[in-house]
Amino acid sequence: MYIRTDKRRKDTLLVFQDGSDQKLHINGLKLLDHFCYAHGSSLEGRRQAIMKTLGIMQKVPILIDEATREMYFPLFDLRRTINYWINERYIESVAPCTKKTCWIRFLNGREFLFPADVRVVKLQRKRCALYLAKLEQKRVCYEQDVLSIFADEKRGNQNE
């Protein structure tokens, strides 16, 4: 559901859908890079694609798997000592708590308090939805172009 990274301790806490967690002695970005490689890309490749598509430079979400629409977004700039990467796919709702904290309720019914303004989370969720929509739009255009090229080739062969 989410990843908590701590640069000082050089460890990462991975919280799973069932509520269990696992502490790993790996940098959070390296963990995300492993997730990306498992689905045929690299963290940097995914990051560059999203930056270019959305025209953003900071707090760039990362698409892990297009088929399952699994996408993580950071709550803070990557230079922060402690950061959270939230898996957008598992979020049910977001609600403010205080000015600098918010509750995120996940699909499994669990709620966690995060040290970020609710507007940050909503913006990140919007970025994820926008990127996934643009990917779908490009996929449909590509498929239509391929079909029209194929149809044109078929028509060309019939005229001969």
Protein backbone atom coordinates (compact mmCIF):
# COMPACT_ATOMS: atom_id res chain seq x y z
CA MET A 1 0.00 0.00 0.00
CA TYR A 2 2.85 2.37 0.78
CA ILE A 3 6.58 2.66 1.26
CA ARG A 4 8.31 4.77 3.92
CA THR A 5 11.92 5.63 3.18
CA ASP A 6 14.49 6.97 5.64
CA LYS A 7 17.81 8.16 4.21
CA ARG A 8 19.48 8.50 7.63
CA ARG A 9 18.89 4.89 8.61
CA LYS A 10 19.24 3.73 5.01
CA ASP A 11 16.17 1.54 5.28
CA THR A 12 12.72 1.25 3.81
CA LEU A 13 9.47 0.11 5.40
CA LEU A 14 7.12 -1.63 3.00
CA VAL A 15 3.47 -1.83 4.18
CA PHE A 16 1.39 -4.50 2.47
CA GLN A 17 -2.33 -4.72 1.66
CA ASP A 18 -2.97 -7.12 4.56
CA GLY A 19 -1.49 -4.59 7.01
CA SER A 20 1.74 -6.45 7.57
CA ASP A 21 5.02 -4.68 7.00
CA GLN A 22 8.60 -5.50 6.22
CA LYS A 23 11.71 -3.46 6.90
CA LEU A 24 14.28 -3.66 4.12
CA HIS A 25 17.85 -2.42 4.14
CA ILE A 26 17.59 -0.91 0.69
CA ASN A 27 17.10 2.60 -0.59
CA GLY A 28 13.44 3.29 -1.45
CA LEU A 29 14.29 4.39 -4.98
CA LYS A 30 16.23 1.16 -5.55
CA LEU A 31 13.20 -0.78 -4.37
CA LEU A 32 10.97 1.09 -6.82
CA ASP A 33 13.57 0.47 -9.54
CA HIS A 34 13.34 -3.29 -8.80
CA PHE A 35 9.53 -3.07 -9.07
CA CYS A 36 9.87 -1.29 -12.43
CA TYR A 37 12.39 -3.82 -13.78
CA ALA A 38 10.04 -6.65 -12.80
CA HIS A 39 7.56 -5.09 -15.24
CA GLY A 40 9.98 -4.39 -18.08
CA SER A 41 11.28 -0.87 -17.50
CA SER A 42 13.53 1.16 -15.24
CA LEU A 43 12.64 3.76 -12.64
CA GLU A 44 14.43 6.44 -14.62
CA GLY A 45 12.68 5.47 -17.86
CA ARG A 46 9.29 5.59 -16.17
CA ARG A 47 10.16 8.88 -14.47
CA GLN A 48 11.27 10.54 -17.72
CA ALA A 49 8.13 9.37 -19.55
CA ILE A 50 5.85 10.83 -16.89
CA MET A 51 7.85 14.06 -16.63
CA LYS A 52 7.61 14.58 -20.40
CA THR A 53 3.94 13.60 -20.67
CA LEU A 54 2.73 15.71 -17.74
CA GLY A 55 5.31 18.51 -17.95
CA ILE A 56 6.32 18.18 -14.31
CA MET A 57 9.73 18.12 -12.64
CA GLN A 58 9.08 17.42 -8.94
CA LYS A 59 7.19 14.77 -6.99
CA VAL A 60 6.94 12.65 -10.12
CA PRO A 61 4.67 9.59 -9.73
CA ILE A 62 6.03 6.28 -10.97
CA LEU A 63 4.01 3.79 -13.01
CA ILE A 64 5.00 0.29 -11.95
CA ASP A 65 2.59 -1.81 -14.01
CA GLU A 66 0.35 -0.46 -16.76
CA ALA A 67 -1.82 -3.59 -16.83
CA THR A 68 -2.81 -3.33 -13.15
CA ARG A 69 -2.57 0.51 -13.11
CA GLU A 70 -0.21 0.26 -10.16
CA MET A 71 1.35 3.65 -9.59
CA TYR A 72 3.29 5.08 -6.64
CA PHE A 73 3.52 8.78 -5.87
CA PRO A 74 5.82 10.55 -3.40
CA LEU A 75 4.43 12.85 -0.73
CA PHE A 76 7.57 14.98 -0.62
CA ASP A 77 10.49 16.08 -2.75
CA LEU A 78 13.11 13.35 -3.15
CA ARG A 79 15.69 15.34 -1.19
CA ARG A 80 13.71 14.88 2.05
CA THR A 81 15.25 12.56 4.62
CA ILE A 82 11.96 10.77 5.24
CA ASN A 83 9.52 10.25 2.41
CA TYR A 84 6.41 8.22 1.68
CA TRP A 85 5.51 6.58 -1.61
CA ILE A 86 1.80 5.78 -1.75
CA ASN A 87 0.34 3.17 -4.10
CA GLU A 88 -2.53 5.08 -5.72
CA ARG A 89 -4.27 1.90 -6.80
CA TYR A 90 -5.15 0.98 -3.21
CA ILE A 91 -6.50 4.35 -2.03
CA GLU A 92 -10.19 4.53 -1.23
CA SER A 93 -10.37 8.07 0.15
CA VAL A 94 -8.38 10.97 1.58
CA ALA A 95 -9.48 13.27 4.40
CA PRO A 96 -7.82 16.20 6.16
CA CYS A 97 -6.83 15.92 9.81
CA THR A 98 -4.84 19.08 10.53
CA LYS A 99 -3.27 21.60 8.19
CA LYS A 100 -0.19 19.43 7.69
CA THR A 101 -1.63 15.93 8.14
CA CYS A 102 -4.24 13.80 6.41
CA TRP A 103 -5.87 10.42 6.69
CA ILE A 104 -5.62 8.01 3.81
CA ARG A 105 -8.13 5.18 3.82
CA PHE A 106 -7.13 2.19 1.74
CA LEU A 107 -9.42 -0.29 -0.01
CA ASN A 108 -8.86 -2.87 2.73
CA GLY A 109 -10.46 -0.47 5.25
CA ARG A 110 -7.23 0.50 7.00
CA GLU A 111 -6.52 4.17 7.64
CA PHE A 112 -3.12 5.75 8.16
CA LEU A 113 -2.22 9.28 9.19
CA PHE A 114 0.37 10.85 6.90
CA PRO A 115 2.39 14.03 7.56
CA ALA A 116 1.21 15.87 4.44
CA ASP A 117 -1.46 18.38 3.55
CA VAL A 118 -4.51 16.71 1.99
CA ARG A 119 -4.10 18.98 -1.07
CA VAL A 120 -0.70 17.37 -1.80
CA VAL A 121 -2.25 13.91 -1.84
CA LYS A 122 -5.17 15.04 -4.00
CA LEU A 123 -2.81 16.69 -6.49
CA GLN A 124 -0.67 13.55 -6.69
CA ARG A 125 -3.76 11.40 -7.22
CA LYS A 126 -4.88 13.75 -9.99
CA ARG A 127 -1.46 13.44 -11.65
CA CYS A 128 -1.70 9.65 -11.56
CA ALA A 129 -5.20 9.66 -13.07
CA LEU A 130 -4.16 12.14 -15.77
CA TYR A 131 -1.12 10.10 -16.75
CA LEU A 132 -3.10 6.85 -16.91
CA ALA A 133 -5.77 8.58 -19.03
CA LYS A 134 -3.12 9.92 -21.42
CA LEU A 135 -1.58 6.45 -21.71
CA GLU A 136 -4.97 4.98 -22.58
CA GLN A 137 -5.59 7.73 -25.12
CA LYS A 138 -2.21 7.09 -26.77
CA ARG A 139 -2.85 3.34 -26.81
CA VAL A 140 -6.21 3.79 -28.56
CA CYS A 141 -4.69 6.21 -31.11
CA TYR A 142 -1.84 3.77 -31.76
CA GLU A 143 -4.25 0.87 -32.25
CA GLN A 144 -6.41 2.93 -34.62
CA ASP A 145 -3.34 4.01 -36.61
CA VAL A 146 -2.13 0.43 -36.88
CA LEU A 147 -5.58 -0.73 -38.02
CA SER A 148 -5.82 2.03 -40.63
CA ILE A 149 -2.31 1.24 -41.95
CA PHE A 150 -3.24 -2.45 -42.12
CA ALA A 151 -6.52 -1.60 -43.91
CA ASP A 152 -4.66 0.67 -46.38
CA GLU A 153 -2.20 -2.13 -47.14
CA LYS A 154 -5.07 -4.57 -47.74
CA ARG A 155 -6.78 -2.09 -50.11
CA GLY A 156 -3.48 -1.56 -51.95
CA ASN A 157 -3.07 -5.30 -52.50
CA GLN A 158 -6.62 -5.61 -53.90
CA ASN A 159 -5.97 -2.89 -56.53
CA GLU A 160 -3.02 -4.75 -58.00
